[in-house]
C-alpha cells in the first residue's frame, strides 16, 4: 500500500510543477511586454516632445510676421524656403568652410593650451597663483574688448580670426580642468603614492582619468564660446565667410536669408556641442563621475 501511494503522489507533482512554471513564464512574458511598451512610449515621447515647442514657435512666428506685415521680419514659411535654398547653395558652404577654418584652428589651439594649463593649475598651487590673475582677467573683461588689440597687433588676417577664437575659448576650457583635478579624492592620490606611483604614473592612472569628464565639459563650453568668437570677429573686424554673407544679405534687405544664415550657424553649434555632450555623458557614466 505504501509503494503505490507514494508512486501516485510522485506522479501527481509534475503537472502541478508544470502549471506553476507556465504561470511564471506567462507573468514574465507579460512584464516583458509591458516594459517594451513603456520603452516604446518613452522613445516616442523623446521624439515628439522636443518638436512641440518648435511647432509652437513656427506657428507663432508665422502668425506674428503676417500680422506685423514688416519686410524686416519675414514669415516662417519664407524663412524656411530661404533656408532650404541656402543649404543648396555652394556659396554658403564656401563661406562656412572659410569661417570654420579659423574656428577649428583657434579652438584646437585653445584646447591644446588650455587643457594642460588647467590640469597643471589644479595640481600645482604655485602655478595656479601665478596664472590665476590673468585667467580672472580674461573671464571678467568682455572678450570683444580684445578685438581691436588683436587687429592692431596681427592685422586683418586669418591669424587674427583664429586668435580671437582662441581668446574666446581658452578661459572656459581652463576653469573646468582646474576643478576636475581638484575634486579628485586626495586619499586616492595619497594611496597611489604609498604604493610607489611616480608623478607620471599618477597623471596617467589617476589624475587624467579622474578629470576626463571635466575636460570634456570644458571643451564643450570652450567650443560654444569659440563659435561666438568666430561670428563676432567676422561681423565686427573683417567681413569674411559667414559674416560677409550676413552683411551682404542685410545690405540687400533680404532678411529672410539673414535669418536663414543665423539659424544655420546655430544648428552647427548645436550639432558640434551635442557631439561633445554625448561623449561627455558616456565618459561620465563609464567613470561614475558627475559632470561639472
Protein backbone atom coordinates (compact mmCIF):
# COMPACT_ATOMS: atom_id res chain seq x y z
CA UNK A 1 0.00 0.00 0.00
CA UNK A 2 2.85 2.31 0.76
CA UNK A 3 4.55 1.82 -2.58
CA UNK A 4 1.61 2.63 -4.86
CA UNK A 5 0.56 5.56 -2.68
CA UNK A 6 4.00 7.13 -2.87
CA UNK A 7 4.09 6.47 -6.59
CA UNK A 8 0.72 8.18 -7.07
CA UNK A 9 1.88 11.23 -5.13
CA UNK A 10 5.05 11.33 -7.17
CA UNK A 11 3.05 11.17 -10.42
CA UNK A 12 0.77 14.00 -9.37
CA UNK A 13 3.60 16.51 -8.73
CA UNK A 14 4.92 17.16 -12.27
CA UNK A 15 1.63 18.59 -13.63
CA UNK A 16 1.41 20.99 -10.67
CA UNK A 17 5.02 22.00 -11.08
CA UNK A 18 4.42 22.45 -14.82
CA UNK A 19 1.43 24.67 -14.12
CA UNK A 20 3.46 26.83 -11.75
CA UNK A 21 6.28 27.09 -14.27
CA UNK A 22 3.83 28.03 -17.01
CA UNK A 23 2.26 30.68 -14.80
CA UNK A 24 5.66 32.20 -14.01
CA UNK A 25 6.54 32.21 -17.70
CA UNK A 26 3.25 33.92 -18.54
CA UNK A 27 3.82 36.58 -15.90
CA UNK A 28 7.38 37.10 -17.12
CA UNK A 29 6.18 37.46 -20.71
CA UNK A 30 3.51 39.91 -19.60
CA UNK A 31 6.03 42.00 -17.68
CA UNK A 32 8.36 41.99 -20.67
CA UNK A 33 5.55 43.20 -22.95
CA UNK A 34 4.71 45.99 -20.51
CA UNK A 35 8.37 47.00 -20.32
CA UNK A 36 8.67 47.04 -24.12
CA UNK A 37 5.54 49.17 -24.48
CA UNK A 38 6.84 51.56 -21.85
CA UNK A 39 10.19 51.78 -23.65
CA UNK A 40 8.47 52.48 -26.99
CA UNK A 41 6.31 55.13 -25.34
CA UNK A 42 9.39 56.74 -23.80
CA UNK A 43 11.20 56.79 -27.16
CA UNK A 44 8.15 58.26 -28.87
CA UNK A 45 7.84 60.98 -26.24
CA UNK A 46 11.56 61.66 -26.59
CA UNK A 47 11.00 62.37 -30.29
CA UNK A 48 7.66 64.18 -30.07
CA UNK A 49 8.14 66.39 -27.01
CA UNK A 50 11.14 68.34 -28.40
CA UNK A 51 9.10 69.03 -31.55
CA UNK A 52 6.22 70.61 -29.66
CA UNK A 53 7.98 73.91 -28.77
CA UNK A 54 9.41 74.08 -32.30
CA UNK A 55 5.94 73.72 -33.81
CA UNK A 56 4.55 76.33 -31.42
CA UNK A 57 7.43 78.65 -32.31
CA UNK A 58 6.90 78.14 -36.05
CA UNK A 59 3.15 78.79 -35.86
CA UNK A 60 3.60 81.81 -33.60
CA UNK A 61 6.34 83.17 -35.85
CA UNK A 62 4.16 82.83 -38.96
CA UNK A 63 1.13 84.45 -37.34
CA UNK A 64 3.12 87.29 -35.80
CA UNK A 65 5.02 88.06 -39.03
CA UNK A 66 1.83 88.10 -41.08
CA UNK A 67 0.14 90.32 -38.52
CA UNK A 68 3.15 92.63 -38.33
CA UNK A 69 3.47 92.95 -42.09
CA UNK A 70 7.10 94.09 -41.91
CA UNK A 71 9.64 93.25 -44.61
CA UNK A 72 12.34 93.18 -41.90
CA UNK A 73 10.76 90.25 -40.07
CA UNK A 74 9.94 87.53 -42.65
CA UNK A 75 7.24 84.89 -42.13
CA UNK A 76 8.38 81.45 -41.07
CA UNK A 77 7.37 79.95 -44.42
CA UNK A 78 9.58 82.42 -46.31
CA UNK A 79 12.43 81.83 -43.86
CA UNK A 80 12.14 78.05 -44.28
CA UNK A 81 12.17 78.35 -48.08
CA UNK A 82 15.25 80.57 -47.86
CA UNK A 83 16.99 78.14 -45.52
CA UNK A 84 16.45 75.25 -47.95
CA UNK A 85 17.73 77.37 -50.83
CA UNK A 86 20.72 78.46 -48.77
CA UNK A 87 21.69 74.90 -47.85
CA UNK A 88 21.70 74.03 -51.54
CA UNK A 89 23.91 76.99 -52.47
CA UNK A 90 27.64 76.38 -52.90
CA UNK A 91 28.45 79.98 -51.96
CA UNK A 92 27.06 79.38 -48.47
CA UNK A 93 29.15 76.25 -47.97
CA UNK A 94 32.27 78.02 -49.20
CA UNK A 95 31.62 80.74 -46.62
CA UNK A 96 31.05 78.14 -43.90
CA UNK A 97 34.30 76.36 -44.74
CA UNK A 98 36.20 79.65 -44.67
CA UNK A 99 34.72 80.58 -41.28
CA UNK A 100 35.24 77.13 -39.81
CA UNK A 101 38.91 77.10 -40.73
CA UNK A 102 39.55 79.85 -38.18
CA UNK A 103 37.17 78.12 -35.76
CA UNK A 104 39.00 74.79 -35.94
CA UNK A 105 42.48 76.29 -35.66
CA UNK A 106 41.52 78.63 -32.81
CA UNK A 107 39.59 76.02 -30.86
CA UNK A 108 42.20 73.29 -31.24
CA UNK A 109 44.86 75.77 -30.16
CA UNK A 110 42.80 76.71 -27.11
CA UNK A 111 42.29 73.03 -26.27
CA UNK A 112 45.98 72.22 -26.73
CA UNK A 113 46.97 75.08 -24.42
CA UNK A 114 44.01 75.20 -22.04
CA UNK A 115 43.75 71.54 -21.03
CA UNK A 116 47.40 71.11 -19.92
CA UNK A 117 47.43 74.50 -18.19
CA UNK A 118 44.15 73.78 -16.40
CA UNK A 119 45.29 70.35 -15.23
CA UNK A 120 48.64 71.73 -14.09
CA UNK A 121 46.96 74.60 -12.22
CA UNK A 122 44.73 72.09 -10.46
CA UNK A 123 47.76 70.09 -9.40
CA UNK A 124 50.31 72.82 -8.64
CA UNK A 125 49.17 75.59 -6.31
CA UNK A 126 52.19 77.72 -7.18
CA UNK A 127 51.34 77.74 -10.87
CA UNK A 128 47.71 78.50 -10.06
CA UNK A 129 48.74 81.54 -8.01
CA UNK A 130 50.79 82.85 -10.95
CA UNK A 131 48.27 82.23 -13.74
CA UNK A 132 45.04 82.82 -11.82
CA UNK A 133 45.10 86.68 -12.04
CA UNK A 134 45.43 86.54 -15.83
CA UNK A 135 42.71 83.91 -16.05
CA UNK A 136 40.36 86.02 -13.92
CA UNK A 137 41.11 88.99 -16.13
CA UNK A 138 40.11 87.02 -19.22
CA UNK A 139 36.90 85.94 -17.53
CA UNK A 140 35.95 89.40 -16.24
CA UNK A 141 36.84 91.55 -19.25
CA UNK A 142 34.40 91.06 -22.18
CA UNK A 143 36.15 89.10 -24.91
CA UNK A 144 35.07 91.64 -27.53
CA UNK A 145 37.38 94.18 -25.86
CA UNK A 146 40.36 92.24 -27.16
CA UNK A 147 39.27 92.54 -30.80
CA UNK A 148 40.87 95.95 -31.57
CA UNK A 149 44.09 94.90 -29.84
CA UNK A 150 44.30 91.72 -31.89
CA UNK A 151 43.56 93.63 -35.08
CA UNK A 152 46.29 96.19 -34.35
CA UNK A 153 48.83 93.53 -33.40
CA UNK A 154 48.18 90.97 -36.14
CA UNK A 155 46.38 92.91 -38.83
CA UNK A 156 43.45 91.79 -40.96
CA UNK A 157 44.41 88.17 -41.46
CA UNK A 158 43.48 84.57 -40.84
CA UNK A 159 45.77 84.58 -37.81
CA UNK A 160 43.72 87.41 -36.28
CA UNK A 161 40.48 85.48 -36.66
CA UNK A 162 41.97 82.30 -35.21
CA UNK A 163 43.47 84.29 -32.32
CA UNK A 164 40.11 85.82 -31.45
CA UNK A 165 38.52 82.36 -31.42
CA UNK A 166 41.40 81.19 -29.20
CA UNK A 167 40.83 84.04 -26.72
CA UNK A 168 37.08 83.42 -26.58
CA UNK A 169 37.51 79.69 -25.87
CA UNK A 170 40.61 79.48 -23.65
CA UNK A 171 39.32 80.52 -20.18
CA UNK A 172 36.23 78.33 -20.46
CA UNK A 173 38.42 75.32 -21.14
CA UNK A 174 40.91 76.03 -18.35
CA UNK A 175 38.46 76.52 -15.46
CA UNK A 176 36.69 73.12 -15.63
CA UNK A 177 40.06 71.38 -15.97
CA UNK A 178 41.25 73.03 -12.75
CA UNK A 179 38.11 71.92 -10.96
CA UNK A 180 38.37 68.40 -12.43
CA UNK A 181 41.76 67.82 -10.81
CA UNK A 182 40.85 69.46 -7.50
CA UNK A 183 37.75 67.32 -6.92
CA UNK A 184 39.73 64.06 -7.15
CA UNK A 185 39.83 62.33 -3.77
CA UNK A 186 43.08 63.26 -2.00
CA UNK A 187 43.10 59.87 -0.29
CA UNK A 188 43.27 58.18 -3.67
CA UNK A 189 46.33 60.25 -4.58
CA UNK A 190 47.95 59.50 -1.21
CA UNK A 191 47.26 55.79 -1.59
CA UNK A 192 48.80 55.82 -5.08
CA UNK A 193 51.88 57.50 -3.63
CA UNK A 194 52.03 54.88 -0.88
CA UNK A 195 52.12 52.09 -3.44
CA UNK A 196 55.04 53.75 -5.19
CA UNK A 197 53.35 55.61 -8.07
CA UNK A 198 55.55 58.28 -9.60
CA UNK A 199 54.27 61.64 -10.81
CA UNK A 200 53.97 60.48 -14.43
CA UNK A 201 52.13 57.31 -13.45
CA UNK A 202 49.91 59.32 -11.12
CA UNK A 203 48.89 61.56 -14.02
CA UNK A 204 48.33 58.60 -16.30
CA UNK A 205 46.41 56.36 -13.91
CA UNK A 206 44.61 58.76 -11.55
CA UNK A 207 44.56 62.46 -12.42
CA UNK A 208 43.75 62.45 -16.14
CA UNK A 209 41.13 59.64 -15.96
CA UNK A 210 39.60 61.29 -12.88
CA UNK A 211 39.40 64.68 -14.61
CA UNK A 212 38.35 63.37 -18.03
CA UNK A 213 34.69 64.25 -17.58
CA UNK A 214 35.62 67.80 -16.54
CA UNK A 215 38.00 68.09 -19.51
CA UNK A 216 35.20 67.22 -21.92
CA UNK A 217 32.90 69.65 -20.13
CA UNK A 218 35.49 72.38 -20.62
CA UNK A 219 35.88 71.50 -24.30
CA UNK A 220 32.12 71.71 -24.74
CA UNK A 221 31.94 75.13 -23.12
CA UNK A 222 35.02 76.30 -24.98
CA UNK A 223 33.57 75.23 -28.33
CA UNK A 224 30.36 77.16 -27.66
CA UNK A 225 32.35 80.34 -26.95
CA UNK A 226 34.67 79.65 -29.90
CA UNK A 227 31.66 79.70 -32.21
CA UNK A 228 30.65 83.02 -30.69
CA UNK A 229 34.12 84.38 -31.33
CA UNK A 230 34.03 83.18 -34.94
CA UNK A 231 30.84 85.12 -35.65
CA UNK A 232 31.81 88.22 -33.65
CA UNK A 233 35.15 88.70 -35.39
CA UNK A 234 33.56 88.33 -38.83
CA UNK A 235 30.80 90.81 -38.05
CA UNK A 236 32.94 93.45 -36.35
CA UNK A 237 36.53 93.25 -37.62
CA UNK A 238 36.66 91.61 -41.03
CA UNK A 239 33.80 90.72 -43.33
CA UNK A 240 34.70 87.21 -44.48
CA UNK A 241 32.91 83.90 -44.59
CA UNK A 242 29.56 83.80 -42.83
CA UNK A 243 29.95 87.38 -41.60
CA UNK A 244 30.35 88.62 -45.16
CA UNK A 245 27.21 86.78 -46.24
CA UNK A 246 25.26 88.26 -43.34
CA UNK A 247 26.37 91.76 -44.24
CA UNK A 248 25.64 91.21 -47.94
CA UNK A 249 22.09 89.95 -47.45
CA UNK A 250 21.46 92.65 -44.84
CA UNK A 251 22.54 95.37 -47.27
CA UNK A 252 20.24 93.85 -49.90
CA UNK A 253 17.33 93.91 -47.40
CA UNK A 254 16.89 90.17 -47.89
CA UNK A 255 16.33 89.49 -44.23
CA UNK A 256 14.91 86.04 -44.77
CA UNK A 257 18.42 84.93 -45.74
CA UNK A 258 19.87 86.73 -42.73
CA UNK A 259 17.59 84.65 -40.52
CA UNK A 260 18.45 81.52 -42.51
CA UNK A 261 22.22 82.03 -42.08
CA UNK A 262 21.81 82.72 -38.37
CA UNK A 263 19.80 79.54 -37.88
CA UNK A 264 22.31 77.52 -39.94
CA UNK A 265 25.14 78.69 -37.66
CA UNK A 266 23.01 77.86 -34.61
CA UNK A 267 22.37 74.36 -35.98
CA UNK A 268 26.10 73.88 -36.47
CA UNK A 269 26.74 74.96 -32.89
CA UNK A 270 24.03 72.65 -31.52
CA UNK A 271 25.39 69.71 -33.52
CA UNK A 272 29.02 70.29 -32.54
CA UNK A 273 28.27 70.83 -28.86
CA UNK A 274 25.86 67.90 -28.89
CA UNK A 275 28.56 65.53 -30.12
CA UNK A 276 30.87 66.55 -27.27
CA UNK A 277 27.98 66.27 -24.80
CA UNK A 278 27.29 62.68 -25.90
CA UNK A 279 30.96 61.77 -25.44
CA UNK A 280 30.95 63.55 -22.09
CA UNK A 281 27.94 61.58 -20.84
CA UNK A 282 29.45 58.27 -21.89
CA UNK A 283 32.72 59.08 -20.17
CA UNK A 284 30.85 60.27 -17.09
CA UNK A 285 28.87 57.03 -16.95
CA UNK A 286 31.97 54.93 -17.54
CA UNK A 287 33.94 56.60 -14.74
CA UNK A 288 30.97 57.21 -12.46
CA UNK A 289 31.75 60.90 -12.14
CA UNK A 290 29.49 63.91 -12.00
CA UNK A 291 29.71 66.33 -14.95
CA UNK A 292 30.66 69.88 -13.96
